[in-house]
Amino acid sequence: MDRDLASLVTQVFELRSKNSSLGELPVKQAREADEHRWLVDTLAYIAAAFHGGNTARMFAPRPFPIGLISFNRTAQYFCLPDEVFAEMTRRLRSGCPSLPDLQTVSLCNGANWYLPPKEEIAKGGYEPTFSISTPESFDQVSRAALSLTRRAARGGREVWTAECLARQLARAGIACGDLLLVHSGIRSCGYVEGGADAILRALRLAVGAEGTVVLPTFTGARTDHPESPPTFDRKRSPCWTGALPQRALTLGEGIRSFHPTHSCVAFGPAAYELTKDHGGSSTPCDAGSPFQKLVRLGGKILIVGLDLRSLTIVHAVEEAVRNPDPCFERPCRCLMIDGGHRELRDFRLHDWSVVLPDYERYRPALEKANAIRRLKLGDASCLLLAARPAFEALAEEIPPPDEEVANS
């Protein structure tokens, strides 16, 4: 039988004080060895007895060995070494609808090997009283089991949830209270249960109730010109910056800045402060824009599945020093719509014909300033930048034109 060993770990064998007479360390060590051997035997038995010895796939995490056996790419049996309540099967089936016939196989030799849910522990009774598992053990095992089941159902590919992604972000240094600007290409995240909604939830979980998430909802086009200025509708203009910001717009819960080409939508307590002045910005990324406000407030920038060519704060430096000047000299008189309000406003917009450098050239300077680090979000390779150090490093790399001529 083919066996694929996975490295999922759930720490559940912490003895309760009232059962300490069993002996903590010796019992724990003995159980791990015995249960692993039991799991292998059980999976082999199921394969031989029910499927005529067909090839099976086994995932055996340690130290608590849970297994998932599947045939013809369909997971059928979840196996674990404690006597478990029917609640486990219900959770797995409801959490993985593609496997409605999944069965749970567990060891039933009684006494100390029970794995009861918290609800049953609260009720008392024979099994909860004699179980040596902690009250949290059932939930820990069920979460690991559901992750394993979902992955097997998708041919071994990882299945990411909002909570998993939020933990990745926390480990990377994103903390409660952060101001976080996110440039995203979420297709590279892999299979995320809940799609864009789950990723947005993960971002908001990572920064907490005190933090703010900002997403670029750009609408600018190559056709924008003083002779053909764009029309912008705060509520209806779609963006081209990806599935995540477009989904954020459709939710209607954030505040969108009032700029004809470089609007942003923000969620959180700082959303109004970050977006309120963008409608009066002379250029898309000037001091009143969310981009420079994020810098001044010490925010962070997360780039998901993209590279530094999506780093908008570079434009803020270019606009300030005009090297190169990315904007038209003449203003564009744009029609701005906000609900029933309509007005014409002048903005100096970006001229798409201006040739800009490859922003990857700034990576060494950002690394030297310790302003950038790598991380993962789901399967995606990402970059996390500290906005203020990054802006300062970029300002040193993009001097005004007269200084550049002098230095040459």
Protein backbone atom coordinates (compact mmCIF):
# COMPACT_ATOMS: atom_id res chain seq x y z
CA MET A 1 0.00 0.00 0.00
CA ASP A 2 1.30 3.45 -0.93
CA ARG A 3 1.80 5.64 2.10
CA ASP A 4 2.22 9.43 1.97
CA LEU A 5 3.27 10.84 5.32
CA ALA A 6 2.21 14.40 6.05
CA SER A 7 3.64 16.66 8.75
CA LEU A 8 0.44 17.99 10.33
CA VAL A 9 0.87 18.19 14.11
CA THR A 10 -1.76 18.62 16.81
CA GLN A 11 -0.63 18.73 20.42
CA VAL A 12 -3.48 17.09 22.30
CA PHE A 13 -1.92 14.62 24.73
CA GLU A 14 -1.74 16.95 27.71
CA LEU A 15 -3.02 14.99 30.72
CA ARG A 16 -5.56 16.58 33.02
CA SER A 17 -4.43 17.01 36.60
CA LYS A 18 -7.13 14.70 37.93
CA ASN A 19 -5.70 11.91 35.76
CA SER A 20 -2.07 12.59 36.61
CA SER A 21 -1.83 9.23 38.39
CA LEU A 22 -1.61 7.64 34.95
CA GLY A 23 1.90 8.99 34.58
CA GLU A 24 2.33 11.77 32.04
CA LEU A 25 5.45 11.23 29.97
CA PRO A 26 5.58 7.40 29.91
CA VAL A 27 1.90 7.13 28.96
CA LYS A 28 2.27 9.77 26.25
CA GLN A 29 5.28 8.11 24.68
CA ALA A 30 3.75 4.67 24.76
CA ARG A 31 0.47 5.88 23.26
CA GLU A 32 2.14 7.59 20.33
CA ALA A 33 4.01 4.44 19.34
CA ASP A 34 1.02 2.14 19.83
CA GLU A 35 -1.38 4.42 17.98
CA HIS A 36 0.85 4.88 14.98
CA ARG A 37 1.13 1.12 14.63
CA TRP A 38 -2.66 0.82 15.06
CA LEU A 39 -3.31 3.41 12.36
CA VAL A 40 -1.12 1.61 9.83
CA ASP A 41 -2.82 -1.69 10.61
CA THR A 42 -6.31 -0.15 10.38
CA LEU A 43 -5.69 1.45 7.01
CA ALA A 44 -4.22 -1.76 5.65
CA TYR A 45 -7.24 -3.70 6.93
CA ILE A 46 -9.71 -1.32 5.27
CA ALA A 47 -7.82 -1.49 2.00
CA ALA A 48 -7.77 -5.28 1.98
CA ALA A 49 -11.23 -5.98 3.39
CA PHE A 50 -13.33 -3.42 1.54
CA HIS A 51 -11.40 -2.72 -1.64
CA GLY A 52 -9.61 -5.93 -2.50
CA GLY A 53 -6.18 -4.57 -1.79
CA ASN A 54 -6.44 -1.57 -4.13
CA THR A 55 -3.82 1.12 -3.76
CA ALA A 56 -4.63 3.61 -1.01
CA ARG A 57 -3.10 6.89 0.04
CA MET A 58 -2.32 7.46 3.69
CA PHE A 59 -1.51 10.66 5.54
CA ALA A 60 -0.16 10.00 9.05
CA PRO A 61 0.57 13.18 11.05
CA ARG A 62 2.50 12.97 14.31
CA PRO A 63 2.50 13.07 17.29
CA PHE A 64 -1.26 12.50 17.10
CA PRO A 65 -1.64 10.20 14.08
CA ILE A 66 -4.75 10.92 12.07
CA GLY A 67 -5.16 9.21 8.73
CA LEU A 68 -7.21 9.70 5.61
CA ILE A 69 -7.56 6.81 3.22
CA SER A 70 -8.85 7.36 -0.29
CA PHE A 71 -9.51 5.24 -3.34
CA ASN A 72 -9.72 6.45 -6.90
CA ARG A 73 -9.01 9.98 -5.61
CA THR A 74 -12.09 9.99 -3.41
CA ALA A 75 -11.50 10.20 0.34
CA GLN A 76 -13.67 7.66 2.12
CA TYR A 77 -12.33 6.94 5.60
CA PHE A 78 -10.94 9.26 8.24
CA CYS A 79 -9.06 7.28 10.89
CA LEU A 80 -7.87 8.24 14.35
CA PRO A 81 -6.76 6.26 17.39
CA ASP A 82 -9.25 7.42 20.04
CA GLU A 83 -12.89 6.53 20.48
CA VAL A 84 -14.57 9.58 19.03
CA PHE A 85 -18.10 10.96 19.06
CA ALA A 86 -20.32 11.18 15.98
CA GLU A 87 -19.80 14.97 16.03
CA MET A 88 -16.47 14.39 14.25
CA THR A 89 -18.11 12.82 11.20
CA ARG A 90 -20.74 15.57 11.10
CA ARG A 91 -18.07 18.30 11.12
CA LEU A 92 -16.07 16.65 8.37
CA ARG A 93 -19.05 16.10 6.10
CA SER A 94 -20.39 19.64 6.57
CA GLY A 95 -16.91 21.14 6.10
CA CYS A 96 -16.19 19.13 2.96
CA PRO A 97 -19.48 18.80 0.98
CA SER A 98 -17.70 17.07 -1.91
CA LEU A 99 -17.30 13.99 0.33
CA PRO A 100 -20.83 13.35 1.64
CA ASP A 101 -20.16 9.64 2.30
CA LEU A 102 -17.01 10.09 4.35
CA GLN A 103 -16.83 7.66 7.26
CA THR A 104 -14.92 7.95 10.54
CA VAL A 105 -12.99 4.95 11.84
CA SER A 106 -11.81 5.08 15.44
CA LEU A 107 -10.33 2.84 18.11
CA CYS A 108 -12.94 1.64 20.60
CA ASN A 109 -11.16 0.02 23.52
CA GLY A 110 -12.75 2.35 26.07
CA ALA A 111 -11.54 4.13 29.20
CA ASN A 112 -8.70 6.62 28.75
CA TRP A 113 -8.80 6.67 24.95
CA TYR A 114 -11.95 8.77 24.54
CA LEU A 115 -11.88 12.04 22.55
CA PRO A 116 -15.10 13.88 23.56
CA PRO A 117 -16.22 17.35 22.38
CA LYS A 118 -16.32 20.20 24.90
CA GLU A 119 -20.10 19.98 25.03
CA GLU A 120 -19.94 16.37 26.21
CA ILE A 121 -17.24 17.18 28.75
CA ALA A 122 -19.54 19.81 30.22
CA LYS A 123 -22.30 17.23 30.57
CA GLY A 124 -20.02 14.76 32.33
CA GLY A 125 -20.58 11.02 32.03
CA TYR A 126 -18.40 7.98 31.73
CA GLU A 127 -16.42 8.80 28.59
CA PRO A 128 -15.62 12.49 29.35
CA THR A 129 -14.71 11.64 32.95
CA PHE A 130 -12.18 8.98 32.04
CA SER A 131 -10.72 10.70 28.97
CA ILE A 132 -7.14 11.93 29.40
CA SER A 133 -7.51 14.43 26.55
CA THR A 134 -7.87 18.13 27.35
CA PRO A 135 -11.20 19.87 26.58
CA GLU A 136 -9.60 21.60 23.56
CA SER A 137 -8.35 18.35 22.04
CA PHE A 138 -11.48 17.52 20.04
CA ASP A 139 -11.48 20.92 18.34
CA GLN A 140 -7.76 20.70 17.56
CA VAL A 141 -8.09 17.27 16.02
CA SER A 142 -11.22 18.19 14.06
CA ARG A 143 -9.52 21.28 12.56
CA ALA A 144 -6.52 19.22 11.49
CA ALA A 145 -8.81 16.49 10.17
CA LEU A 146 -10.84 18.96 8.12
CA SER A 147 -7.70 20.48 6.61
CA LEU A 148 -6.45 17.01 5.73
CA THR A 149 -9.80 15.98 4.25
CA ARG A 150 -10.11 19.09 2.10
CA ARG A 151 -6.58 18.66 0.80
CA ALA A 152 -7.18 15.02 -0.12
CA ALA A 153 -10.44 15.95 -1.85
CA ARG A 154 -8.42 18.30 -4.08
CA GLY A 155 -5.84 15.70 -5.06
CA GLY A 156 -3.36 16.58 -2.33
CA ARG A 157 -3.34 20.36 -2.88
CA GLU A 158 -3.47 22.55 0.22
CA VAL A 159 -6.80 24.18 1.02
CA TRP A 160 -6.47 27.60 2.68
CA THR A 161 -9.01 29.21 4.97
CA ALA A 162 -9.24 32.81 6.15
CA GLU A 163 -7.96 31.79 9.58
CA CYS A 164 -4.93 29.98 8.09
CA LEU A 165 -4.07 33.03 5.97
CA ALA A 166 -4.46 35.36 8.94
CA ARG A 167 -2.00 33.24 10.92
CA GLN A 168 0.49 33.43 8.04
CA LEU A 169 0.20 37.22 8.02
CA ALA A 170 0.66 37.40 11.79
CA ARG A 171 3.81 35.27 11.62
CA ALA A 172 5.15 37.61 8.93
CA GLY A 173 4.83 40.62 11.22
CA ILE A 174 1.43 42.10 10.39
CA ALA A 175 -0.13 43.03 13.71
CA CYS A 176 -3.35 44.37 15.21
CA GLY A 177 -3.64 48.09 14.62
CA ASP A 178 -1.55 48.12 11.42
CA LEU A 179 -2.40 50.29 8.42
CA LEU A 180 -1.98 47.92 5.48
CA LEU A 181 -2.02 48.79 1.77
CA VAL A 182 -2.45 45.65 -0.35
CA HIS A 183 -1.51 45.19 -4.01
CA SER A 184 -2.77 41.77 -5.05
CA GLY A 185 -2.82 39.04 -7.65
CA ILE A 186 -4.77 36.50 -5.62
CA ARG A 187 -4.82 33.72 -8.22
CA SER A 188 -1.33 32.78 -7.04
CA CYS A 189 -2.65 32.14 -3.50
CA GLY A 190 -3.83 28.68 -4.52
CA TYR A 191 -7.17 27.21 -3.48
CA VAL A 192 -8.71 29.46 -0.85
CA GLU A 193 -12.01 28.34 0.61
CA GLY A 194 -14.29 31.34 0.16
CA GLY A 195 -12.15 33.00 -2.52
CA ALA A 196 -11.69 36.77 -2.42
CA ASP A 197 -14.07 37.12 0.53
CA ALA A 198 -11.88 34.82 2.63
CA ILE A 199 -8.69 36.67 1.68
CA LEU A 200 -10.26 40.01 2.57
CA ARG A 201 -11.42 38.52 5.87
CA ALA A 202 -7.90 37.24 6.55
CA LEU A 203 -6.43 40.71 5.98
CA ARG A 204 -8.94 42.28 8.33
CA LEU A 205 -8.40 39.56 10.93
CA ALA A 206 -4.65 40.17 10.76
CA VAL A 207 -4.91 43.93 11.46
CA GLY A 208 -7.76 43.51 13.94
CA ALA A 209 -10.55 45.92 14.79
CA GLU A 210 -8.02 48.73 15.39
CA GLY A 211 -6.29 48.28 12.03
CA THR A 212 -7.16 49.47 8.52
CA VAL A 213 -6.86 47.68 5.17
CA VAL A 214 -6.49 49.74 1.98
CA LEU A 215 -6.91 48.36 -1.55
CA PRO A 216 -6.13 50.26 -4.78
CA THR A 217 -9.23 50.48 -7.00
CA PHE A 218 -7.62 52.14 -10.01
CA THR A 219 -9.65 53.10 -13.07
CA GLY A 220 -7.11 55.02 -15.16
CA ALA A 221 -6.69 54.14 -18.84
CA ARG A 222 -4.34 54.92 -21.71
CA THR A 223 -7.10 56.99 -23.30
CA ASP A 224 -7.10 59.48 -20.37
CA HIS A 225 -5.91 62.82 -21.73
CA PRO A 226 -6.67 66.53 -21.29
CA GLU A 227 -8.61 66.25 -24.56
CA SER A 228 -10.48 63.12 -23.41
CA PRO A 229 -10.76 63.25 -19.61
CA PRO A 230 -12.29 60.33 -17.73
CA THR A 231 -15.58 60.19 -15.88
CA PHE A 232 -15.48 58.69 -12.39
CA ASP A 233 -18.42 57.36 -10.39
CA ARG A 234 -17.44 56.62 -6.79
CA LYS A 235 -20.08 53.90 -6.42
CA ARG A 236 -20.19 52.40 -9.90
CA SER A 237 -16.81 52.71 -11.62
CA PRO A 238 -15.17 49.25 -11.66
CA CYS A 239 -11.45 48.85 -11.09
CA TRP A 240 -8.81 46.91 -13.04
CA THR A 241 -6.52 46.16 -10.10
CA GLY A 242 -7.75 42.61 -9.53
CA ALA A 243 -10.46 40.39 -8.11
CA LEU A 244 -9.79 41.33 -4.48
CA PRO A 245 -10.31 45.12 -4.72
CA GLN A 246 -13.23 44.65 -7.11
CA ARG A 247 -14.88 42.33 -4.61
CA ALA A 248 -14.16 44.85 -1.85
CA LEU A 249 -16.00 47.49 -3.87
CA THR A 250 -19.07 45.33 -4.34
CA LEU A 251 -19.35 44.72 -0.60
CA GLY A 252 -20.10 48.41 -0.09
CA GLU A 253 -18.62 48.40 3.42
CA GLY A 254 -15.48 50.46 2.79
CA ILE A 255 -14.81 54.12 1.99
CA ARG A 256 -13.59 54.83 -1.54
CA SER A 257 -11.43 57.86 -2.18
CA PHE A 258 -12.73 60.36 -4.74
CA HIS A 259 -10.03 60.34 -7.42
CA PRO A 260 -10.71 59.81 -11.14
CA THR A 261 -7.87 57.33 -11.82
CA HIS A 262 -6.13 56.25 -8.56
CA SER A 263 -8.94 55.73 -6.05
CA CYS A 264 -8.57 53.38 -3.09
CA VAL A 265 -11.10 51.64 -0.87
CA ALA A 266 -10.34 51.40 2.83
CA PHE A 267 -11.80 49.38 5.71
CA GLY A 268 -11.22 50.24 9.35
CA PRO A 269 -11.07 53.15 11.78
CA ALA A 270 -8.51 55.11 9.71
CA ALA A 271 -10.43 54.68 6.44
CA TYR A 272 -11.92 58.18 6.41
CA GLU A 273 -8.67 59.90 7.34
CA LEU A 274 -6.77 58.07 4.60
CA THR A 275 -9.29 58.76 1.84
CA LYS A 276 -10.95 62.11 2.63
CA ASP A 277 -8.51 64.46 0.81
CA HIS A 278 -7.90 62.46 -2.36
CA GLY A 279 -10.59 64.33 -4.27
CA GLY A 280 -8.54 67.51 -3.89
CA SER A 281 -5.21 66.00 -4.92
CA SER A 282 -3.39 67.81 -7.68
CA THR A 283 -1.64 64.60 -8.78
CA PRO A 284 -2.70 61.00 -8.11
CA CYS A 285 -0.13 60.24 -5.40
CA ASP A 286 0.48 63.63 -3.76
CA ALA A 287 0.48 64.44 -0.04
CA GLY A 288 -3.32 64.22 0.17
CA SER A 289 -3.47 60.74 -1.33
CA PRO A 290 -3.85 57.54 0.71
CA PHE A 291 -0.39 56.48 -0.46
CA GLN A 292 1.54 59.32 1.16
CA LYS A 293 -0.73 59.37 4.20
CA LEU A 294 0.09 55.71 4.75
CA VAL A 295 3.78 56.62 4.66
CA ARG A 296 3.38 59.43 7.21
CA LEU A 297 1.33 57.20 9.52
CA GLY A 298 3.92 54.41 9.46
CA GLY A 299 1.85 51.87 7.55
CA LYS A 300 2.86 48.73 5.71
CA ILE A 301 2.52 47.61 2.11
CA LEU A 302 1.74 44.00 1.18
CA ILE A 303 2.33 42.83 -2.40
CA VAL A 304 0.62 39.49 -3.04
CA GLY A 305 1.74 37.40 -6.00
CA LEU A 306 3.14 40.43 -7.85
CA ASP A 307 6.50 42.21 -8.02
CA LEU A 308 7.74 45.75 -7.37
CA ARG A 309 6.23 47.03 -10.60
CA SER A 310 2.98 47.29 -8.64
CA LEU A 311 4.54 49.50 -5.93
CA THR A 312 2.50 52.68 -6.28
CA ILE A 313 4.44 54.75 -3.75
CA VAL A 314 7.23 55.00 -6.35
CA HIS A 315 4.87 57.30 -8.26
CA ALA A 316 4.65 59.52 -5.20
CA VAL A 317 8.40 60.10 -5.35
CA GLU A 318 8.34 60.56 -9.13
CA GLU A 319 5.57 63.14 -8.87
CA ALA A 320 7.46 65.05 -6.18
CA VAL A 321 10.83 65.23 -7.93
CA ARG A 322 9.49 65.02 -11.51
CA ASN A 323 12.07 62.46 -12.54
CA PRO A 324 10.49 61.39 -14.74
CA ASP A 325 7.37 63.50 -14.42
CA PRO A 326 4.59 60.94 -14.91
CA CYS A 327 1.82 63.54 -15.26
CA PHE A 328 0.42 65.72 -18.02
CA GLU A 329 1.37 69.38 -17.68
CA ARG A 330 -2.20 70.39 -18.51
CA PRO A 331 -4.97 69.39 -16.11
CA CYS A 332 -7.78 67.06 -17.13
CA ARG A 333 -11.25 68.35 -16.37
CA CYS A 334 -12.96 65.19 -15.10
CA LEU A 335 -16.64 64.55 -14.45
CA MET A 336 -16.90 63.30 -10.86
CA ILE A 337 -20.07 61.53 -9.70
CA ASP A 338 -20.97 60.66 -6.13
CA GLY A 339 -24.55 59.46 -5.87
CA GLY A 340 -26.73 62.32 -7.02
CA HIS A 341 -23.87 64.84 -6.94
CA ARG A 342 -22.03 65.63 -10.19
CA GLU A 343 -19.25 68.17 -10.75
CA LEU A 344 -16.26 68.93 -12.95
CA ARG A 345 -12.82 68.93 -11.27
CA ASP A 346 -9.31 69.52 -12.60
CA PHE A 347 -6.60 66.91 -12.00
CA ARG A 348 -3.11 66.41 -13.38
CA LEU A 349 -3.32 62.75 -14.38
CA HIS A 350 -0.64 60.25 -15.33
CA ASP A 351 0.47 60.28 -18.95
CA TRP A 352 0.73 56.63 -19.99
CA SER A 353 3.14 57.53 -22.81
CA VAL A 354 5.87 58.46 -20.29
CA VAL A 355 8.46 55.67 -20.17
CA LEU A 356 9.02 54.63 -16.55
CA PRO A 357 11.90 52.48 -15.28
CA ASP A 358 11.51 48.90 -14.12
CA TYR A 359 10.85 49.28 -10.40
CA GLU A 360 12.69 46.03 -9.68
CA ARG A 361 15.85 48.15 -9.97
CA TYR A 362 15.00 49.58 -6.53
CA ARG A 363 14.97 46.21 -4.74
CA PRO A 364 18.65 46.38 -3.60
CA ALA A 365 18.08 49.81 -2.05
CA LEU A 366 14.96 48.60 -0.26
CA GLU A 367 16.80 45.54 1.05
CA LYS A 368 19.71 47.68 2.21
CA ALA A 369 17.26 49.86 4.17
CA ASN A 370 15.66 46.75 5.72
CA ALA A 371 12.39 48.01 4.30
CA ILE A 372 11.31 44.80 2.54
CA ARG A 373 10.87 41.14 3.43
CA ARG A 374 9.50 38.03 1.77
CA LEU A 375 6.57 35.97 3.00
CA LYS A 376 3.87 33.57 1.84
CA LEU A 377 0.12 34.05 1.72
CA GLY A 378 -1.40 30.70 0.89
CA ASP A 379 0.74 29.47 -1.98
CA ALA A 380 1.62 33.00 -3.16
CA SER A 381 5.04 34.56 -2.85
CA CYS A 382 4.63 38.01 -1.35
CA LEU A 383 6.56 41.10 -0.31
CA LEU A 384 5.97 43.14 2.83
CA LEU A 385 7.34 46.69 2.98
CA ALA A 386 7.55 49.19 5.80
CA ALA A 387 6.10 52.23 4.03
CA ARG A 388 8.16 55.02 5.58
CA PRO A 389 11.63 53.40 5.27
CA ALA A 390 10.70 52.26 1.77
CA PHE A 391 9.63 55.78 0.75
CA GLU A 392 12.84 57.27 2.16
CA ALA A 393 14.98 54.70 0.35
CA LEU A 394 13.17 55.39 -2.92
CA ALA A 395 13.59 59.15 -2.49
CA GLU A 396 17.36 58.65 -2.32
CA GLU A 397 17.27 56.52 -5.46
CA ILE A 398 15.19 59.01 -7.51
CA PRO A 399 16.93 62.40 -7.34
CA PRO A 400 15.58 65.56 -9.00
CA PRO A 401 16.64 65.85 -12.67
CA ASP A 402 19.21 68.60 -12.02
CA GLU A 403 20.98 66.50 -9.37
CA GLU A 404 20.99 63.51 -11.68
CA VAL A 405 22.67 65.54 -14.44
CA ALA A 406 25.22 66.91 -11.96
CA ASN A 407 26.04 63.44 -10.64
CA SER A 408 26.51 62.08 -14.15
